C-alpha atoms as a PDB file:
ATOM      1  CA  GLU A   1     112.491  64.482 -30.761  1.00  0.00           C
ATOM      2  CA  LYS A   2     112.978  61.565 -32.964  1.00  0.00           C
ATOM      3  CA  LYS A   3     109.841  60.172 -34.404  1.00  0.00           C
ATOM      4  CA  ILE A   4     109.786  56.446 -35.222  1.00  0.00           C
ATOM      5  CA  PRO A   5     107.127  55.445 -38.030  1.00  0.00           C
ATOM      6  CA  PRO A   6     104.848  52.555 -37.414  1.00  0.00           C
ATOM      7  CA  SER A   7     106.311  49.074 -38.141  1.00  0.00           C
ATOM      8  CA  ARG A   8     105.793  45.576 -38.231  1.00  0.00           C
ATOM      9  CA  PHE A   9     107.674  42.362 -38.457  1.00  0.00           C
ATOM     10  CA  VAL A  10     107.599  40.324 -41.513  1.00  0.00           C
ATOM     11  CA  THR A  11     108.903  37.027 -41.163  1.00  0.00           C
ATOM     12  CA  ASP A  12     110.132  34.754 -44.122  1.00  0.00           C
ATOM     13  CA  LEU A  13     108.505  31.495 -43.487  1.00  0.00           C
ATOM     14  CA  SER A  14     109.591  30.024 -46.758  1.00  0.00           C
ATOM     15  CA  ARG A  15     111.660  27.468 -44.890  1.00  0.00           C
ATOM     16  CA  GLY A  16     109.456  27.261 -41.757  1.00  0.00           C
ATOM     17  CA  VAL A  17     108.014  24.257 -40.607  1.00  0.00           C
ATOM     18  CA  THR A  18     104.693  24.544 -42.155  1.00  0.00           C
ATOM     19  CA  ALA A  19     106.344  25.940 -45.562  1.00  0.00           C
ATOM     20  CA  ARG A  20     105.349  22.998 -47.692  1.00  0.00           C
ATOM     21  CA  SER A  21     101.708  22.819 -46.529  1.00  0.00           C
ATOM     22  CA  ASP A  22     101.539  26.758 -46.754  1.00  0.00           C
ATOM     23  CA  LYS A  23     102.533  26.528 -50.490  1.00  0.00           C
ATOM     24  CA  PHE A  24     100.253  23.745 -51.234  1.00  0.00           C
ATOM     25  CA  LEU A  25      97.266  25.528 -49.466  1.00  0.00           C
ATOM     26  CA  VAL A  26      97.806  28.685 -51.482  1.00  0.00           C
ATOM     27  CA  TRP A  27      98.169  26.689 -54.696  1.00  0.00           C
ATOM     28  CA  LYS A  28      95.508  24.253 -54.353  1.00  0.00           C
ATOM     29  CA  TRP A  29      92.777  26.035 -52.638  1.00  0.00           C
ATOM     30  CA  LEU A  30      93.541  29.553 -51.061  1.00  0.00           C
ATOM     31  CA  GLY A  31      94.903  31.221 -54.334  1.00  0.00           C
ATOM     32  CA  PRO A  32      91.960  30.075 -56.606  1.00  0.00           C
ATOM     33  CA  LEU A  33      89.502  31.087 -53.632  1.00  0.00           C
ATOM     34  CA  ALA A  34      91.005  34.750 -53.596  1.00  0.00           C
ATOM     35  CA  LYS A  35      90.867  34.932 -57.361  1.00  0.00           C
ATOM     36  CA  ASP A  36      87.185  34.094 -57.555  1.00  0.00           C
ATOM     37  CA  TYR A  37      86.313  36.149 -54.437  1.00  0.00           C
ATOM     38  CA  CYS A  38      88.318  39.213 -55.107  1.00  0.00           C
ATOM     39  CA  ILE A  39      87.332  39.617 -58.721  1.00  0.00           C
ATOM     40  CA  ASP A  40      89.101  43.309 -59.084  1.00  0.00           C
ATOM     41  CA  LEU A  41      92.169  41.893 -57.662  1.00  0.00           C
ATOM     42  CA  VAL A  42      95.279  42.681 -59.689  1.00  0.00           C
ATOM     43  CA  LYS A  43      98.452  40.581 -59.791  1.00  0.00           C
ATOM     44  CA  ASP A  44     101.044  43.049 -59.600  1.00  0.00           C
ATOM     45  CA  SER A  45     102.043  46.657 -59.985  1.00  0.00           C
ATOM     46  CA  THR A  46     101.966  46.590 -63.773  1.00  0.00           C
ATOM     47  CA  ALA A  47      98.414  45.286 -63.750  1.00  0.00           C
ATOM     48  CA  ALA A  48      97.527  47.820 -61.240  1.00  0.00           C
ATOM     49  CA  LEU A  49      98.684  50.797 -63.509  1.00  0.00           C
ATOM     50  CA  GLN A  50      97.173  49.160 -66.584  1.00  0.00           C
ATOM     51  CA  ARG A  51      93.765  48.963 -64.708  1.00  0.00           C
ATOM     52  CA  LEU A  52      93.988  52.686 -63.398  1.00  0.00           C
ATOM     53  CA  GLU A  53      94.924  53.941 -66.963  1.00  0.00           C
ATOM     54  CA  SER A  54      92.029  51.893 -68.421  1.00  0.00           C
ATOM     55  CA  LEU A  55      89.718  53.715 -65.707  1.00  0.00           C
ATOM     56  CA  ALA A  56      91.311  57.093 -66.329  1.00  0.00           C
ATOM     57  CA  ASP A  57      90.760  56.650 -70.188  1.00  0.00           C
ATOM     58  CA  ARG A  58      87.135  56.206 -69.288  1.00  0.00           C
ATOM     59  CA  ASN A  59      87.069  59.320 -66.959  1.00  0.00           C
ATOM     60  CA  GLU A  60      86.226  56.971 -64.005  1.00  0.00           C
ATOM     61  CA  VAL A  61      89.281  58.103 -61.928  1.00  0.00           C
ATOM     62  CA  ASP A  62      88.469  60.580 -59.002  1.00  0.00           C
ATOM     63  CA  ASP A  63      91.226  62.852 -57.792  1.00  0.00           C
ATOM     64  CA  SER A  64      90.419  61.798 -54.432  1.00  0.00           C
ATOM     65  CA  TRP A  65      91.400  58.132 -54.737  1.00  0.00           C
ATOM     66  CA  PHE A  66      94.554  56.510 -52.851  1.00  0.00           C
ATOM     67  CA  SER A  67      96.305  53.648 -54.354  1.00  0.00           C
ATOM     68  CA  ILE A  68      97.244  50.865 -51.812  1.00  0.00           C
ATOM     69  CA  SER A  69      98.682  47.445 -52.015  1.00  0.00           C
ATOM     70  CA  ILE A  70      98.376  44.374 -49.946  1.00  0.00           C
ATOM     71  CA  ASP A  71     100.067  40.765 -50.228  1.00  0.00           C
ATOM     72  CA  ILE A  72      97.336  38.142 -49.663  1.00  0.00           C
ATOM     73  CA  VAL A  73      99.502  35.403 -50.793  1.00  0.00           C
ATOM     74  CA  SER A  74     101.648  35.392 -47.763  1.00  0.00           C
ATOM     75  CA  LEU A  75     100.065  34.915 -44.284  1.00  0.00           C
ATOM     76  CA  TYR A  76     101.784  37.433 -42.036  1.00  0.00           C
ATOM     77  CA  ASP A  77     101.585  37.131 -38.463  1.00  0.00           C
ATOM     78  CA  SER A  78     100.721  40.743 -38.145  1.00  0.00           C
ATOM     79  CA  LEU A  79      97.191  40.060 -39.563  1.00  0.00           C
ATOM     80  CA  ARG A  80      94.306  39.795 -37.307  1.00  0.00           C
ATOM     81  CA  HIS A  81      93.660  36.021 -37.463  1.00  0.00           C
ATOM     82  CA  ASP A  82      90.037  36.392 -36.594  1.00  0.00           C
ATOM     83  CA  LEU A  83      89.295  38.819 -39.392  1.00  0.00           C
ATOM     84  CA  VAL A  84      91.310  36.654 -41.817  1.00  0.00           C
ATOM     85  CA  LEU A  85      89.186  33.470 -40.966  1.00  0.00           C
ATOM     86  CA  THR A  86      86.033  35.539 -40.987  1.00  0.00           C
ATOM     87  CA  ALA A  87      86.965  36.898 -44.550  1.00  0.00           C
ATOM     88  CA  ILE A  88      87.835  33.191 -45.419  1.00  0.00           C
ATOM     89  CA  ASP A  89      84.398  31.965 -44.169  1.00  0.00           C
ATOM     90  CA  ASP A  90      82.846  34.742 -46.395  1.00  0.00           C
ATOM     91  CA  ALA A  91      84.796  33.677 -49.419  1.00  0.00           C
ATOM     92  CA  ILE A  92      83.831  30.154 -49.008  1.00  0.00           C
ATOM     93  CA  ASP A  93      80.093  30.808 -48.363  1.00  0.00           C
ATOM     94  CA  ASP A  94      80.157  33.039 -51.598  1.00  0.00           C
ATOM     95  CA  CYS A  95      82.475  31.139 -53.963  1.00  0.00           C
ATOM     96  CA  ARG A  96      82.669  27.607 -52.661  1.00  0.00           C
ATOM     97  CA  PRO A  97      79.211  26.506 -51.188  1.00  0.00           C
ATOM     98  CA  ASP A  98      79.809  22.948 -52.234  1.00  0.00           C
ATOM     99  CA  TRP A  99      82.703  22.489 -49.849  1.00  0.00           C
ATOM    100  CA  THR A 100      81.617  20.442 -46.921  1.00  0.00           C
ATOM    101  CA  GLN A 101      81.533  21.457 -43.257  1.00  0.00           C
ATOM    102  CA  GLU A 102      84.362  18.789 -42.472  1.00  0.00           C
ATOM    103  CA  PHE A 103      86.535  20.197 -45.395  1.00  0.00           C
ATOM    104  CA  ARG A 104      85.905  23.831 -44.310  1.00  0.00           C
ATOM    105  CA  ILE A 105      87.051  22.966 -40.763  1.00  0.00           C
ATOM    106  CA  TRP A 106      90.132  21.266 -41.910  1.00  0.00           C
ATOM    107  CA  PHE A 107      91.017  24.160 -44.262  1.00  0.00           C
ATOM    108  CA  LYS A 108      90.757  26.699 -41.512  1.00  0.00           C
ATOM    109  CA  GLN A 109      92.867  24.607 -39.144  1.00  0.00           C
ATOM    110  CA  LEU A 110      95.495  24.380 -41.580  1.00  0.00           C
ATOM    111  CA  ILE A 111      95.412  28.077 -42.035  1.00  0.00           C
ATOM    112  CA  GLN A 112      95.321  28.558 -38.220  1.00  0.00           C
ATOM    113  CA  LEU A 113      98.515  26.188 -38.108  1.00  0.00           C
ATOM    114  CA  SER A 114     100.237  28.411 -40.489  1.00  0.00           C
ATOM    115  CA  PHE A 115      99.424  31.448 -38.342  1.00  0.00           C
ATOM    116  CA  ASP A 116     100.709  29.723 -35.175  1.00  0.00           C
ATOM    117  CA  SER A 117     103.952  28.307 -36.757  1.00  0.00           C
END
């Protein structure tokens, strides 16, 4: 019997109806928020390998570790929107307490628009 591995659709929305607002959202607010919230975030594979090498040099690497990779720049439709918005709420509370309630609502509505497009 043929086994089919789990899969998901990844859609290129670079030319979608919200492409310009998505890029602006990431450039202006979401990217900097993610960098401040995810203080151990690495930019790419090279940075991840350098970080692992640094940890290994200090004998801080455990053989039971698993490496994973996630792309937080692109808002894929396979993500659970409620969890994304909850994480964004937590990041805003933690890193941007000065953002007004009105701005937070607008910001999350723009993210929801991106999910819906």
